[in-house]
Protein backbone atom coordinates (compact mmCIF):
# COMPACT_ATOMS: atom_id res chain seq x y z
CA MET A 1 -0.14 -0.32 0.08
CA SER A 2 1.72 3.30 -1.16
CA HIS A 3 1.23 6.18 1.10
CA THR A 4 0.83 9.24 -0.79
CA ARG A 5 1.16 12.50 1.10
CA VAL A 6 -1.44 15.34 0.97
CA PRO A 7 0.53 18.63 0.16
CA ARG A 8 0.48 21.24 2.48
CA THR A 9 -1.44 24.40 0.80
CA ALA A 10 -1.36 28.19 1.55
CA SER A 11 -3.36 31.27 0.48
CA GLY A 12 -2.17 34.49 0.30
CA THR A 13 -1.67 37.84 -2.00
CA VAL A 14 1.22 38.11 -4.81
CA VAL A 15 3.54 40.87 -3.58
CA SER A 16 6.08 40.46 -6.46
CA ASN A 17 6.26 38.86 -10.26
CA LYS A 18 9.41 40.40 -11.24
CA MET A 19 11.35 36.86 -11.35
CA ASN A 20 10.99 34.62 -14.20
CA SER A 21 8.81 31.67 -13.37
CA THR A 22 8.67 33.11 -9.82
CA ILE A 23 6.43 34.84 -7.81
CA THR A 24 6.78 36.17 -3.71
CA VAL A 25 3.33 35.37 -1.96
CA LEU A 26 2.40 36.96 1.53
CA VAL A 27 0.77 34.48 3.55
CA GLU A 28 -0.87 35.62 6.63
CA ARG A 29 -2.18 33.61 9.47
CA ARG A 30 -3.90 34.91 12.76
CA VAL A 31 -2.89 33.57 15.79
CA GLN A 32 -3.89 33.79 19.83
CA HIS A 33 -0.94 35.22 21.59
CA PRO A 34 0.17 32.64 23.99
CA LEU A 35 0.08 34.76 27.30
CA TYR A 36 -2.18 37.65 26.42
CA GLY A 37 -4.86 35.61 24.45
CA LYS A 38 -4.94 38.74 21.78
CA ILE A 39 -5.27 37.68 18.17
CA ILE A 40 -2.59 38.66 16.43
CA LYS A 41 -1.34 38.46 12.48
CA ARG A 42 1.78 36.54 11.66
CA SER A 43 2.91 36.90 7.94
CA LYS A 44 5.56 35.23 5.98
CA LYS A 45 6.85 35.52 2.27
CA ILE A 46 6.88 32.87 0.10
CA HIS A 47 8.77 32.16 -3.13
CA ALA A 48 6.62 29.94 -5.18
CA HIS A 49 6.99 28.38 -8.84
CA ASP A 50 4.82 30.08 -11.43
CA PRO A 51 5.62 28.06 -14.63
CA GLY A 52 3.57 30.28 -17.31
CA ASN A 53 4.06 33.80 -15.90
CA GLU A 54 0.15 34.23 -15.34
CA CYS A 55 0.12 36.08 -12.18
CA GLN A 56 -0.30 39.59 -11.36
CA GLU A 57 0.57 41.56 -8.04
CA GLY A 58 -2.36 41.87 -5.80
CA ASP A 59 -3.76 38.36 -6.99
CA ILE A 60 -5.22 36.06 -4.39
CA VAL A 61 -3.63 32.79 -5.06
CA THR A 62 -3.38 29.04 -3.30
CA ILE A 63 -0.13 27.53 -3.29
CA GLU A 64 0.92 23.98 -2.67
CA GLU A 65 4.43 22.53 -1.47
CA THR A 66 6.33 20.35 -3.44
CA ARG A 67 9.81 19.35 -3.82
CA PRO A 68 12.83 21.89 -3.87
CA ILE A 69 12.66 23.61 -7.11
CA SER A 70 15.64 26.10 -6.50
CA LYS A 71 17.45 27.20 -3.10
CA THR A 72 14.35 29.01 -2.21
CA LYS A 73 11.65 27.80 -3.79
CA SER A 74 9.67 24.43 -2.68
CA TRP A 75 6.12 25.80 -3.40
CA LYS A 76 4.12 25.82 -6.41
CA LEU A 77 1.08 27.91 -7.97
CA ARG A 78 -1.76 25.80 -7.87
CA SER A 79 -4.61 28.24 -8.70
CA ILE A 80 -5.51 31.94 -8.75
CA ASP A 81 -8.15 32.64 -6.56
CA ARG A 82 -8.81 36.08 -7.70
CA LYS A 83 -7.43 38.43 -10.10
CA ALA A 84 -6.28 41.79 -9.12
CA THR A 85 -8.57 44.83 -10.25
CA VAL A 86 -6.68 46.38 -12.88
CA ILE A 87 -7.02 50.47 -12.15
């Protein structure tokens, strides 16, 4: 019986698409402070693989963990949930 792992996913906002085939996604999560109980935001910027260069800044995307693609990239684009509005 083979055990296929379900990849971790994260959702966030594209903050940079200047690199070729790579996007930078800002993932924010809300956690409770361990001592004071206040809800606080924790954020992390993750580099993700975007093979078609289809994402723009401001897009809301879902990314999933994958094998390491480069030194800083071990996530890939799964879907674009909402395109950024063009002004």
